[in-house]
Amino acid sequence: MMNYKIIEYKNEYKYDIRNLISSIYKDEFEITIGEDEILNEDLYKYIKEGGSFLIAIDEDGNLLGTIGGRIVNDETLEVKRMYVKKEYRGCGIAQELLNTLERFAEDNGFKYLVLGTYERMGRAIGFYQKNLFVLENETEDVEERYFRKCLA
């Protein structure tokens, strides 16, 4: 069993997070559109605006994964920037990140979690559906998928 912990975002991880996101976008999905916006995003804004940004780190402080929660409105928290390093997938890290964000949402009175993803991210879609997210709608972009989960 792997030892890791989930902590609130710390600025010292900013470049590690950027590298993680960049490598997943480029190497796994060959996506470069919008990369600059994502890589230059102020991740602490999620927390400043009342949401959450969590990271998973191992016992040596190495970044393993991320998840953000952005406030949409009084009832809805949007799951953003959920990534786990490829070599650590299947170890329960994504599940624990999502569980921790869900507890945050419930503790802060949110009724829904929503998220957007792309059809090509089939493994992620399966993960979300396993966690009771339901396809809410499709857009004109045949790749985009939006999901919603009702909390408690």
N, C-alpha and C. Protein backbone atom coordinates (compact mmCIF):
# COMPACT_ATOMS: atom_id res chain seq x y z
N MET A 1 0.83 -1.20 0.00
CA MET A 1 0.00 0.00 0.00
C MET A 1 0.87 1.25 0.00
N MET A 2 0.46 2.20 -0.77
CA MET A 2 1.22 3.43 -0.93
C MET A 2 0.85 4.45 0.16
N ASN A 3 1.85 5.11 0.69
CA ASN A 3 1.61 6.16 1.68
C ASN A 3 1.58 7.51 1.00
N TYR A 4 0.49 8.22 1.20
CA TYR A 4 0.34 9.57 0.66
C TYR A 4 -0.66 10.30 1.53
N LYS A 5 -0.72 11.61 1.35
CA LYS A 5 -1.72 12.39 2.07
C LYS A 5 -2.28 13.46 1.15
N ILE A 6 -3.48 13.90 1.49
CA ILE A 6 -4.17 14.96 0.75
C ILE A 6 -4.05 16.24 1.58
N ILE A 7 -3.53 17.28 0.96
CA ILE A 7 -3.37 18.56 1.64
C ILE A 7 -3.93 19.68 0.77
N GLU A 8 -4.17 20.83 1.40
CA GLU A 8 -4.59 22.01 0.65
C GLU A 8 -3.41 22.52 -0.17
N TYR A 9 -3.72 23.13 -1.31
CA TYR A 9 -2.71 23.68 -2.21
C TYR A 9 -1.70 24.54 -1.48
N LYS A 10 -0.44 24.36 -1.84
CA LYS A 10 0.65 25.23 -1.38
C LYS A 10 1.38 25.73 -2.60
N ASN A 11 1.73 27.01 -2.58
CA ASN A 11 2.36 27.64 -3.74
C ASN A 11 3.67 26.95 -4.14
N GLU A 12 4.33 26.31 -3.22
CA GLU A 12 5.60 25.64 -3.54
C GLU A 12 5.41 24.50 -4.56
N TYR A 13 4.18 24.06 -4.75
CA TYR A 13 3.90 22.99 -5.71
C TYR A 13 3.46 23.51 -7.08
N LYS A 14 3.43 24.82 -7.24
CA LYS A 14 2.92 25.43 -8.46
C LYS A 14 3.59 24.86 -9.72
N TYR A 15 4.89 24.78 -9.75
CA TYR A 15 5.59 24.31 -10.95
C TYR A 15 5.43 22.81 -11.15
N ASP A 16 5.39 22.06 -10.07
CA ASP A 16 5.14 20.62 -10.18
C ASP A 16 3.76 20.36 -10.78
N ILE A 17 2.78 21.15 -10.35
CA ILE A 17 1.41 21.01 -10.88
C ILE A 17 1.39 21.37 -12.37
N ARG A 18 2.04 22.44 -12.72
CA ARG A 18 2.10 22.84 -14.14
C ARG A 18 2.74 21.74 -14.98
N ASN A 19 3.82 21.16 -14.48
CA ASN A 19 4.49 20.09 -15.22
C ASN A 19 3.60 18.86 -15.35
N LEU A 20 2.88 18.53 -14.30
CA LEU A 20 1.97 17.38 -14.34
C LEU A 20 0.89 17.60 -15.40
N ILE A 21 0.23 18.74 -15.34
CA ILE A 21 -0.85 19.03 -16.28
C ILE A 21 -0.32 19.06 -17.71
N SER A 22 0.79 19.72 -17.89
CA SER A 22 1.38 19.83 -19.23
C SER A 22 1.72 18.45 -19.79
N SER A 23 2.32 17.60 -19.00
CA SER A 23 2.70 16.28 -19.50
C SER A 23 1.47 15.43 -19.84
N ILE A 24 0.43 15.52 -19.04
CA ILE A 24 -0.79 14.76 -19.33
C ILE A 24 -1.43 15.27 -20.61
N TYR A 25 -1.53 16.59 -20.75
CA TYR A 25 -2.15 17.16 -21.94
C TYR A 25 -1.37 16.79 -23.20
N LYS A 26 -0.06 16.95 -23.15
CA LYS A 26 0.76 16.72 -24.35
C LYS A 26 0.95 15.24 -24.64
N ASP A 27 1.40 14.50 -23.64
CA ASP A 27 1.82 13.12 -23.86
C ASP A 27 0.67 12.14 -23.99
N GLU A 28 -0.39 12.34 -23.21
CA GLU A 28 -1.48 11.37 -23.21
C GLU A 28 -2.60 11.74 -24.19
N PHE A 29 -2.87 13.03 -24.32
CA PHE A 29 -4.03 13.42 -25.11
C PHE A 29 -3.69 14.30 -26.31
N GLU A 30 -2.41 14.63 -26.47
CA GLU A 30 -1.95 15.45 -27.59
C GLU A 30 -2.76 16.74 -27.72
N ILE A 31 -3.03 17.35 -26.58
CA ILE A 31 -3.78 18.61 -26.53
C ILE A 31 -2.79 19.74 -26.25
N THR A 32 -2.83 20.76 -27.07
CA THR A 32 -2.01 21.95 -26.80
C THR A 32 -2.86 23.21 -26.76
N ILE A 33 -4.09 23.14 -27.25
CA ILE A 33 -4.97 24.30 -27.24
C ILE A 33 -5.32 24.65 -25.80
N GLY A 34 -5.15 25.92 -25.44
CA GLY A 34 -5.50 26.37 -24.10
C GLY A 34 -4.47 26.03 -23.04
N GLU A 35 -3.35 25.44 -23.45
CA GLU A 35 -2.35 25.02 -22.47
C GLU A 35 -1.80 26.19 -21.67
N ASP A 36 -1.51 27.32 -22.35
CA ASP A 36 -0.95 28.48 -21.65
C ASP A 36 -1.88 28.98 -20.56
N GLU A 37 -3.18 29.02 -20.87
CA GLU A 37 -4.16 29.47 -19.88
C GLU A 37 -4.14 28.57 -18.65
N ILE A 38 -4.12 27.28 -18.87
CA ILE A 38 -4.11 26.32 -17.76
C ILE A 38 -2.81 26.41 -16.98
N LEU A 39 -1.69 26.49 -17.68
CA LEU A 39 -0.40 26.50 -17.01
C LEU A 39 -0.14 27.79 -16.25
N ASN A 40 -0.80 28.87 -16.63
CA ASN A 40 -0.60 30.15 -15.94
C ASN A 40 -1.72 30.48 -14.95
N GLU A 41 -2.60 29.54 -14.74
CA GLU A 41 -3.73 29.76 -13.85
C GLU A 41 -3.26 29.92 -12.40
N ASP A 42 -3.87 30.87 -11.69
CA ASP A 42 -3.61 31.06 -10.26
C ASP A 42 -4.45 30.04 -9.50
N LEU A 43 -3.84 28.95 -9.10
CA LEU A 43 -4.58 27.87 -8.45
C LEU A 43 -5.06 28.26 -7.05
N TYR A 44 -4.38 29.20 -6.44
CA TYR A 44 -4.81 29.63 -5.12
C TYR A 44 -6.15 30.36 -5.18
N LYS A 45 -6.55 30.83 -6.37
CA LYS A 45 -7.82 31.56 -6.50
C LYS A 45 -9.00 30.68 -6.11
N TYR A 46 -8.91 29.38 -6.33
CA TYR A 46 -9.99 28.49 -5.93
C TYR A 46 -10.26 28.66 -4.44
N ILE A 47 -9.22 28.71 -3.65
CA ILE A 47 -9.34 28.84 -2.19
C ILE A 47 -9.77 30.26 -1.83
N LYS A 48 -9.14 31.26 -2.43
CA LYS A 48 -9.47 32.66 -2.14
C LYS A 48 -10.94 32.96 -2.40
N GLU A 49 -11.52 32.30 -3.41
CA GLU A 49 -12.91 32.55 -3.78
C GLU A 49 -13.89 31.64 -3.03
N GLY A 50 -13.39 30.90 -2.04
CA GLY A 50 -14.26 30.08 -1.21
C GLY A 50 -14.34 28.63 -1.61
N GLY A 51 -13.65 28.26 -2.67
CA GLY A 51 -13.62 26.87 -3.11
C GLY A 51 -12.46 26.12 -2.48
N SER A 52 -11.94 25.18 -3.22
CA SER A 52 -10.88 24.34 -2.68
C SER A 52 -9.91 23.93 -3.79
N PHE A 53 -8.67 23.73 -3.44
CA PHE A 53 -7.71 23.09 -4.34
C PHE A 53 -6.86 22.18 -3.48
N LEU A 54 -6.88 20.91 -3.82
CA LEU A 54 -6.20 19.89 -3.02
C LEU A 54 -5.13 19.21 -3.85
N ILE A 55 -4.09 18.75 -3.16
CA ILE A 55 -3.05 17.98 -3.82
C ILE A 55 -2.76 16.73 -3.01
N ALA A 56 -2.36 15.69 -3.71
CA ALA A 56 -1.90 14.46 -3.07
C ALA A 56 -0.39 14.44 -3.18
N ILE A 57 0.26 14.19 -2.05
CA ILE A 57 1.72 14.10 -2.05
C ILE A 57 2.14 12.82 -1.34
N ASP A 58 3.30 12.30 -1.74
CA ASP A 58 3.81 11.10 -1.07
C ASP A 58 4.57 11.51 0.19
N GLU A 59 5.13 10.53 0.88
CA GLU A 59 5.80 10.81 2.15
C GLU A 59 7.05 11.66 2.00
N ASP A 60 7.58 11.77 0.77
CA ASP A 60 8.74 12.62 0.51
C ASP A 60 8.33 14.00 -0.01
N GLY A 61 7.03 14.25 -0.09
CA GLY A 61 6.54 15.54 -0.55
C GLY A 61 6.42 15.66 -2.05
N ASN A 62 6.52 14.55 -2.78
CA ASN A 62 6.39 14.58 -4.23
C ASN A 62 4.92 14.62 -4.63
N LEU A 63 4.62 15.46 -5.60
CA LEU A 63 3.25 15.61 -6.08
C LEU A 63 2.80 14.35 -6.81
N LEU A 64 1.59 13.86 -6.46
CA LEU A 64 1.02 12.68 -7.10
C LEU A 64 -0.24 13.01 -7.87
N GLY A 65 -1.01 14.01 -7.40
CA GLY A 65 -2.27 14.34 -8.06
C GLY A 65 -2.86 15.63 -7.53
N THR A 66 -3.91 16.09 -8.24
CA THR A 66 -4.56 17.36 -7.91
C THR A 66 -6.06 17.28 -8.13
N ILE A 67 -6.79 18.16 -7.46
CA ILE A 67 -8.21 18.37 -7.74
C ILE A 67 -8.59 19.75 -7.22
N GLY A 68 -9.40 20.45 -7.99
CA GLY A 68 -9.89 21.76 -7.57
C GLY A 68 -11.40 21.77 -7.50
N GLY A 69 -11.92 22.67 -6.70
CA GLY A 69 -13.36 22.89 -6.62
C GLY A 69 -13.63 24.38 -6.77
N ARG A 70 -14.26 24.76 -7.87
CA ARG A 70 -14.56 26.16 -8.17
C ARG A 70 -16.04 26.41 -7.94
N ILE A 71 -16.35 27.46 -7.20
CA ILE A 71 -17.75 27.79 -6.93
C ILE A 71 -18.41 28.30 -8.20
N VAL A 72 -19.52 27.66 -8.57
CA VAL A 72 -20.34 28.10 -9.70
C VAL A 72 -21.44 29.02 -9.18
N ASN A 73 -22.11 28.57 -8.12
CA ASN A 73 -23.15 29.36 -7.44
C ASN A 73 -23.32 28.78 -6.04
N ASP A 74 -24.31 29.26 -5.30
CA ASP A 74 -24.49 28.83 -3.91
C ASP A 74 -24.73 27.33 -3.76
N GLU A 75 -25.22 26.68 -4.81
CA GLU A 75 -25.55 25.26 -4.73
C GLU A 75 -24.55 24.34 -5.43
N THR A 76 -23.68 24.90 -6.27
CA THR A 76 -22.89 24.09 -7.18
C THR A 76 -21.39 24.37 -7.09
N LEU A 77 -20.63 23.28 -6.97
CA LEU A 77 -19.17 23.34 -6.98
C LEU A 77 -18.71 22.56 -8.22
N GLU A 78 -17.84 23.18 -9.00
CA GLU A 78 -17.33 22.54 -10.21
C GLU A 78 -15.99 21.87 -9.94
N VAL A 79 -15.88 20.61 -10.30
CA VAL A 79 -14.63 19.87 -10.18
C VAL A 79 -13.72 20.32 -11.32
N LYS A 80 -12.53 20.75 -10.97
CA LYS A 80 -11.57 21.26 -11.95
C LYS A 80 -10.19 20.65 -11.69
N ARG A 81 -9.41 20.57 -12.72
CA ARG A 81 -7.99 20.21 -12.63
C ARG A 81 -7.72 18.92 -11.86
N MET A 82 -8.51 17.89 -12.17
CA MET A 82 -8.30 16.59 -11.53
C MET A 82 -7.32 15.78 -12.37
N TYR A 83 -6.15 15.57 -11.82
CA TYR A 83 -5.09 14.84 -12.51
C TYR A 83 -4.33 13.97 -11.51
N VAL A 84 -3.93 12.80 -11.95
CA VAL A 84 -3.05 11.93 -11.17
C VAL A 84 -1.95 11.46 -12.10
N LYS A 85 -0.71 11.48 -11.60
CA LYS A 85 0.40 10.99 -12.41
C LYS A 85 0.10 9.58 -12.90
N LYS A 86 0.44 9.34 -14.13
CA LYS A 86 0.10 8.08 -14.79
C LYS A 86 0.56 6.86 -13.99
N GLU A 87 1.76 6.92 -13.47
CA GLU A 87 2.30 5.76 -12.75
C GLU A 87 1.64 5.49 -11.39
N TYR A 88 0.78 6.42 -10.95
CA TYR A 88 0.09 6.24 -9.66
C TYR A 88 -1.40 6.02 -9.82
N ARG A 89 -1.88 5.92 -11.03
CA ARG A 89 -3.30 5.65 -11.24
C ARG A 89 -3.60 4.22 -10.83
N GLY A 90 -4.79 4.03 -10.29
CA GLY A 90 -5.17 2.70 -9.81
C GLY A 90 -4.75 2.44 -8.38
N CYS A 91 -4.17 3.45 -7.73
CA CYS A 91 -3.71 3.30 -6.34
C CYS A 91 -4.70 3.92 -5.35
N GLY A 92 -5.83 4.44 -5.83
CA GLY A 92 -6.83 5.02 -4.95
C GLY A 92 -6.68 6.52 -4.73
N ILE A 93 -5.69 7.13 -5.35
CA ILE A 93 -5.43 8.56 -5.13
C ILE A 93 -6.56 9.41 -5.69
N ALA A 94 -6.99 9.13 -6.91
CA ALA A 94 -8.09 9.91 -7.51
C ALA A 94 -9.35 9.80 -6.66
N GLN A 95 -9.62 8.59 -6.18
CA GLN A 95 -10.81 8.38 -5.35
C GLN A 95 -10.74 9.20 -4.07
N GLU A 96 -9.58 9.19 -3.44
CA GLU A 96 -9.43 9.94 -2.19
C GLU A 96 -9.49 11.45 -2.44
N LEU A 97 -8.92 11.92 -3.54
CA LEU A 97 -9.03 13.34 -3.89
C LEU A 97 -10.50 13.73 -4.08
N LEU A 98 -11.23 12.92 -4.84
CA LEU A 98 -12.65 13.22 -5.08
C LEU A 98 -13.45 13.13 -3.78
N ASN A 99 -13.21 12.11 -2.97
CA ASN A 99 -13.92 11.98 -1.69
C ASN A 99 -13.68 13.20 -0.80
N THR A 100 -12.45 13.67 -0.77
CA THR A 100 -12.10 14.82 0.08
C THR A 100 -12.79 16.08 -0.43
N LEU A 101 -12.83 16.25 -1.75
CA LEU A 101 -13.53 17.41 -2.32
C LEU A 101 -15.03 17.31 -2.07
N GLU A 102 -15.59 16.12 -2.17
CA GLU A 102 -17.02 15.94 -1.88
C GLU A 102 -17.34 16.30 -0.44
N ARG A 103 -16.50 15.88 0.49
CA ARG A 103 -16.71 16.24 1.91
C ARG A 103 -16.68 17.76 2.08
N PHE A 104 -15.72 18.40 1.41
CA PHE A 104 -15.64 19.87 1.44
C PHE A 104 -16.96 20.47 0.94
N ALA A 105 -17.43 19.97 -0.20
CA ALA A 105 -18.67 20.49 -0.79
C ALA A 105 -19.85 20.32 0.17
N GLU A 106 -20.00 19.13 0.72
CA GLU A 106 -21.11 18.87 1.64
C GLU A 106 -20.99 19.73 2.90
N ASP A 107 -19.78 19.85 3.45
CA ASP A 107 -19.57 20.65 4.66
C ASP A 107 -19.87 22.13 4.42
N ASN A 108 -19.79 22.55 3.17
CA ASN A 108 -20.02 23.96 2.84
C ASN A 108 -21.36 24.20 2.17
N GLY A 109 -22.26 23.24 2.26
CA GLY A 109 -23.63 23.42 1.84
C GLY A 109 -23.92 23.31 0.36
N PHE A 110 -22.99 22.80 -0.42
CA PHE A 110 -23.25 22.63 -1.85
C PHE A 110 -24.15 21.41 -2.06
N LYS A 111 -25.03 21.51 -3.05
CA LYS A 111 -25.95 20.42 -3.36
C LYS A 111 -25.50 19.61 -4.57
N TYR A 112 -24.63 20.20 -5.39
CA TYR A 112 -24.23 19.54 -6.63
C TYR A 112 -22.74 19.69 -6.89
N LEU A 113 -22.18 18.67 -7.51
CA LEU A 113 -20.86 18.75 -8.12
C LEU A 113 -21.08 18.64 -9.62
N VAL A 114 -20.39 19.44 -10.39
CA VAL A 114 -20.45 19.34 -11.84
C VAL A 114 -19.02 19.28 -12.38
N LEU A 115 -18.89 18.78 -13.60
CA LEU A 115 -17.59 18.77 -14.24
C LEU A 115 -17.74 18.64 -15.73
N GLY A 116 -16.74 19.08 -16.43
CA GLY A 116 -16.68 18.92 -17.87
C GLY A 116 -15.46 18.11 -18.24
N THR A 117 -15.58 17.28 -19.24
CA THR A 117 -14.46 16.49 -19.71
C THR A 117 -14.65 16.23 -21.20
N TYR A 118 -13.81 15.42 -21.76
CA TYR A 118 -13.86 15.14 -23.19
C TYR A 118 -14.05 13.65 -23.43
N GLU A 119 -14.73 13.34 -24.50
CA GLU A 119 -15.04 11.96 -24.87
C GLU A 119 -13.78 11.09 -24.92
N ARG A 120 -12.68 11.67 -25.36
CA ARG A 120 -11.44 10.89 -25.47
C ARG A 120 -10.88 10.47 -24.12
N MET A 121 -11.39 11.02 -23.05
CA MET A 121 -10.92 10.69 -21.70
C MET A 121 -11.83 9.62 -21.10
N GLY A 122 -11.92 8.51 -21.81
CA GLY A 122 -12.83 7.43 -21.44
C GLY A 122 -12.62 6.88 -20.05
N ARG A 123 -11.37 6.75 -19.63
CA ARG A 123 -11.11 6.22 -18.30
C ARG A 123 -11.65 7.17 -17.23
N ALA A 124 -11.47 8.47 -17.46
CA ALA A 124 -11.98 9.47 -16.52
C ALA A 124 -13.51 9.43 -16.48
N ILE A 125 -14.14 9.31 -17.64
CA ILE A 125 -15.60 9.25 -17.69
C ILE A 125 -16.10 8.04 -16.91
N GLY A 126 -15.46 6.90 -17.09
CA GLY A 126 -15.84 5.71 -16.34
C GLY A 126 -15.70 5.93 -14.84
N PHE A 127 -14.64 6.60 -14.42
CA PHE A 127 -14.41 6.91 -13.01
C PHE A 127 -15.54 7.80 -12.48
N TYR A 128 -15.89 8.83 -13.23
CA TYR A 128 -16.95 9.74 -12.78
C TYR A 128 -18.29 9.02 -12.70
N GLN A 129 -18.59 8.19 -13.69
CA GLN A 129 -19.86 7.45 -13.66
C GLN A 129 -19.90 6.48 -12.50
N LYS A 130 -18.78 5.84 -12.20
CA LYS A 130 -18.70 4.94 -11.04
C LYS A 130 -18.99 5.70 -9.75
N ASN A 131 -18.66 6.99 -9.75
CA ASN A 131 -18.88 7.84 -8.59
C ASN A 131 -20.19 8.62 -8.67
N LEU A 132 -21.13 8.11 -9.47
CA LEU A 132 -22.51 8.59 -9.54
C LEU A 132 -22.68 9.94 -10.22
N PHE A 133 -21.73 10.33 -11.05
CA PHE A 133 -21.93 11.49 -11.90
C PHE A 133 -22.76 11.03 -13.09
N VAL A 134 -23.70 11.87 -13.50
CA VAL A 134 -24.61 11.53 -14.59
C VAL A 134 -24.39 12.53 -15.73
N LEU A 135 -24.37 12.02 -16.95
CA LEU A 135 -24.22 12.89 -18.12
C LEU A 135 -25.37 13.87 -18.13
N GLU A 136 -25.04 15.15 -18.10
CA GLU A 136 -26.07 16.19 -18.03
C GLU A 136 -26.45 16.66 -19.42
N ASN A 137 -25.46 16.93 -20.25
CA ASN A 137 -25.75 17.35 -21.61
C ASN A 137 -24.50 17.27 -22.46
N GLU A 138 -24.72 17.29 -23.73
CA GLU A 138 -23.63 17.36 -24.69
C GLU A 138 -23.75 18.71 -25.38
N THR A 139 -22.65 19.19 -25.88
CA THR A 139 -22.66 20.48 -26.57
C THR A 139 -22.50 20.24 -28.06
N GLU A 140 -22.43 21.32 -28.79
CA GLU A 140 -22.20 21.20 -30.23
C GLU A 140 -20.85 20.57 -30.52
N ASP A 141 -19.91 20.75 -29.60
CA ASP A 141 -18.60 20.11 -29.73
C ASP A 141 -18.79 18.63 -29.39
N VAL A 142 -18.60 17.78 -30.36
CA VAL A 142 -18.88 16.35 -30.17
C VAL A 142 -17.98 15.71 -29.12
N GLU A 143 -16.92 16.39 -28.74
CA GLU A 143 -16.00 15.85 -27.74
C GLU A 143 -16.39 16.19 -26.30
N GLU A 144 -17.03 17.33 -26.08
CA GLU A 144 -17.30 17.79 -24.72
C GLU A 144 -18.42 17.00 -24.07
N ARG A 145 -18.25 16.72 -22.78
CA ARG A 145 -19.25 16.04 -21.97
C ARG A 145 -19.33 16.75 -20.61
N TYR A 146 -20.57 17.00 -20.16
CA TYR A 146 -20.78 17.65 -18.86
C TYR A 146 -21.55 16.71 -17.96
N PHE A 147 -21.07 16.58 -16.73
CA PHE A 147 -21.66 15.66 -15.76
C PHE A 147 -22.07 16.40 -14.50
N ARG A 148 -23.05 15.83 -13.80
CA ARG A 148 -23.54 16.39 -12.53
C ARG A 148 -23.73 15.27 -11.53
N LYS A 149 -23.47 15.59 -10.28
CA LYS A 149 -23.73 14.65 -9.18
C LYS A 149 -24.50 15.38 -8.10
N CYS A 150 -25.60 14.79 -7.66
CA CYS A 150 -26.36 15.32 -6.53
C CYS A 150 -25.71 14.82 -5.25
N LEU A 151 -25.49 15.73 -4.31
CA LEU A 151 -24.89 15.36 -3.02
C LEU A 151 -26.01 15.14 -2.01
N ALA A 152 -25.85 14.15 -1.19
CA ALA A 152 -26.79 13.77 -0.12
C ALA A 152 -28.18 14.09 -0.51
